[in-house]
Protein backbone atom coordinates (compact mmCIF):
# COMPACT_ATOMS: atom_id res chain seq x y z
CA MET A 1 -4.14 9.77 3.47
CA LEU A 2 -1.05 6.68 1.76
CA LEU A 3 1.10 9.95 -0.03
CA GLU A 4 1.90 11.73 4.10
CA LYS A 5 1.92 8.99 4.97
CA ALA A 6 5.22 8.13 2.69
CA GLU A 7 5.80 11.16 2.90
CA LYS A 8 5.96 11.27 6.91
CA LEU A 9 8.22 8.29 6.34
CA PHE A 10 10.43 10.07 4.20
CA GLU A 11 11.06 13.04 6.18
CA ALA A 12 11.56 10.99 8.83
CA GLY A 13 13.85 8.72 7.45
CA LYS A 14 16.27 12.28 6.67
CA ALA A 15 15.69 13.53 10.04
CA ARG A 16 17.55 9.80 11.38
CA GLN A 17 13.93 9.56 12.84
CA ALA A 18 12.62 6.56 11.02
CA LYS A 19 12.58 3.82 13.66
CA GLU A 20 9.42 5.64 15.21
CA CYS A 21 7.57 5.87 12.34
CA ILE A 22 7.88 2.43 10.86
CA GLY A 23 5.00 1.59 13.82
CA GLU A 24 3.09 3.69 13.19
CA LEU A 25 3.06 3.32 9.55
CA LEU A 26 2.69 -0.40 9.85
CA ASP A 27 0.16 0.43 11.96
CA PHE A 28 -1.73 2.53 9.76
CA LEU A 29 -0.65 0.66 6.52
CA ASP A 30 -2.78 -3.31 8.20
CA GLU A 31 -6.58 -0.31 8.48
CA TYR A 32 -6.11 1.09 5.09
CA THR A 33 -5.55 -2.43 2.97
CA LYS A 34 -8.27 -3.66 5.05
CA GLU A 35 -10.36 -0.69 4.11
CA HIS A 36 -9.54 0.87 0.66
CA PHE A 37 -9.10 -2.62 -0.46
CA ALA A 38 -12.30 -3.82 0.33
CA ASP A 39 -13.80 -0.82 -1.27
CA GLU A 40 -12.12 -0.94 -3.94
CA GLU A 41 -13.29 -4.42 -4.45
CA GLU A 42 -17.21 -3.51 -3.95
CA TYR A 43 -16.65 -0.62 -6.37
CA MET A 44 -15.40 -3.44 -9.29
CA LEU A 45 -17.25 -5.59 -9.32
CA SER A 46 -20.13 -3.40 -9.19
CA ILE A 47 -19.01 -1.59 -12.66
CA ASN A 48 -17.89 -5.71 -13.76
CA TYR A 49 -14.40 -4.58 -14.20
CA PRO A 50 -13.15 -6.89 -16.38
CA GLU A 51 -9.81 -6.79 -14.38
CA TYR A 52 -10.93 -7.39 -11.41
CA SER A 53 -9.10 -10.50 -10.52
CA ALA A 54 -5.72 -9.12 -11.11
CA GLN A 55 -6.52 -6.05 -9.07
CA LYS A 56 -7.60 -8.73 -6.01
CA ALA A 57 -3.90 -10.55 -7.12
CA ALA A 58 -2.62 -7.86 -6.21
CA TYR A 59 -4.27 -7.25 -3.65
CA GLU A 60 -3.09 -10.09 -1.92
CA ASP A 61 0.07 -9.79 -2.89
CA PHE A 62 0.33 -6.58 -0.68
CA ILE A 63 -1.38 -7.29 2.03
CA LYS A 64 1.83 -10.69 1.76
CA ARG A 65 4.56 -8.42 1.71
CA LEU A 66 3.04 -6.35 4.20
CA ALA A 67 2.61 -9.33 6.58
CA LYS A 68 6.60 -10.10 5.61
CA LEU A 69 7.51 -7.60 6.37
CA ARG A 70 5.77 -6.35 10.42
CA SER A 71 7.15 -10.25 11.50
CA ASP A 72 10.64 -8.40 10.12
CA TYR A 73 9.81 -5.56 11.67
CA ASN A 74 8.78 -6.92 15.41
CA THR A 75 12.00 -9.62 15.00
CA SER A 76 14.77 -6.87 14.04
CA GLY A 77 14.81 -5.09 15.77
CA ARG A 78 13.33 -2.05 13.94
CA SER A 79 16.07 -2.43 11.67
CA LEU A 80 17.52 -0.61 8.33
CA LEU A 81 16.50 -2.46 6.34
CA VAL A 82 13.27 -3.24 7.57
CA ILE A 83 13.01 1.15 7.03
CA LEU A 84 14.11 0.42 3.74
CA ASN A 85 11.72 -2.40 2.83
CA ALA A 86 8.77 -0.67 4.46
CA ASN A 87 9.83 2.97 2.34
CA GLN A 88 9.92 0.93 -1.21
CA MET A 89 7.08 -0.84 -0.71
CA VAL A 90 5.05 2.67 -0.26
CA VAL A 91 6.56 4.11 -3.33
CA ASP A 92 6.32 0.83 -5.39
CA TRP A 93 2.73 0.80 -4.08
CA LEU A 94 2.07 4.41 -5.44
CA ILE A 95 4.25 4.45 -7.94
CA ASN A 96 2.15 0.79 -10.12
CA HIS A 97 -0.89 0.05 -8.36
CA ILE A 98 -1.85 3.80 -7.76
CA SER A 99 -0.49 5.71 -10.77
CA ASN A 100 -1.20 2.58 -13.75
CA MET A 101 -3.86 0.08 -12.00
CA ASP A 102 -6.38 1.42 -10.16
CA LYS A 103 -6.62 4.83 -13.65
CA LYS A 104 -7.51 1.47 -15.54
CA ILE A 105 -10.59 1.73 -12.64
CA GLY A 106 -11.54 4.96 -13.12
CA GLN A 107 -11.07 4.83 -17.09
CA PHE A 108 -12.35 2.29 -17.67
CA ALA A 109 -15.74 3.11 -15.22
CA ALA A 110 -15.77 6.70 -17.50
CA ASN A 111 -15.97 4.68 -20.94
CA LYS A 112 -18.86 2.95 -19.92
CA HIS A 113 -20.96 5.84 -19.04
């Protein structure tokens, strides 16, 4: 779902319609973080994942960045900079967090069995 939203924002940006999508993306990310992070934290605790605190710190950082982005969006009148920052934040999360940190959870769980 996150990949679909990122793709939609990217396509909207190419069509110069990103301003219309950014609010939708921020709403989605707000809901996504609440549900996904809670589920992932519960899972990590259930398997005694040793890097839980690093994951939790990454989640908290993402939530802070999202709150700042939403604040900037609300005060900037949908500026291009906010749109670019939102796009970069999602891309960074996809590349750095999911492909690196989340992958380690899967590897740990697989090796546990």
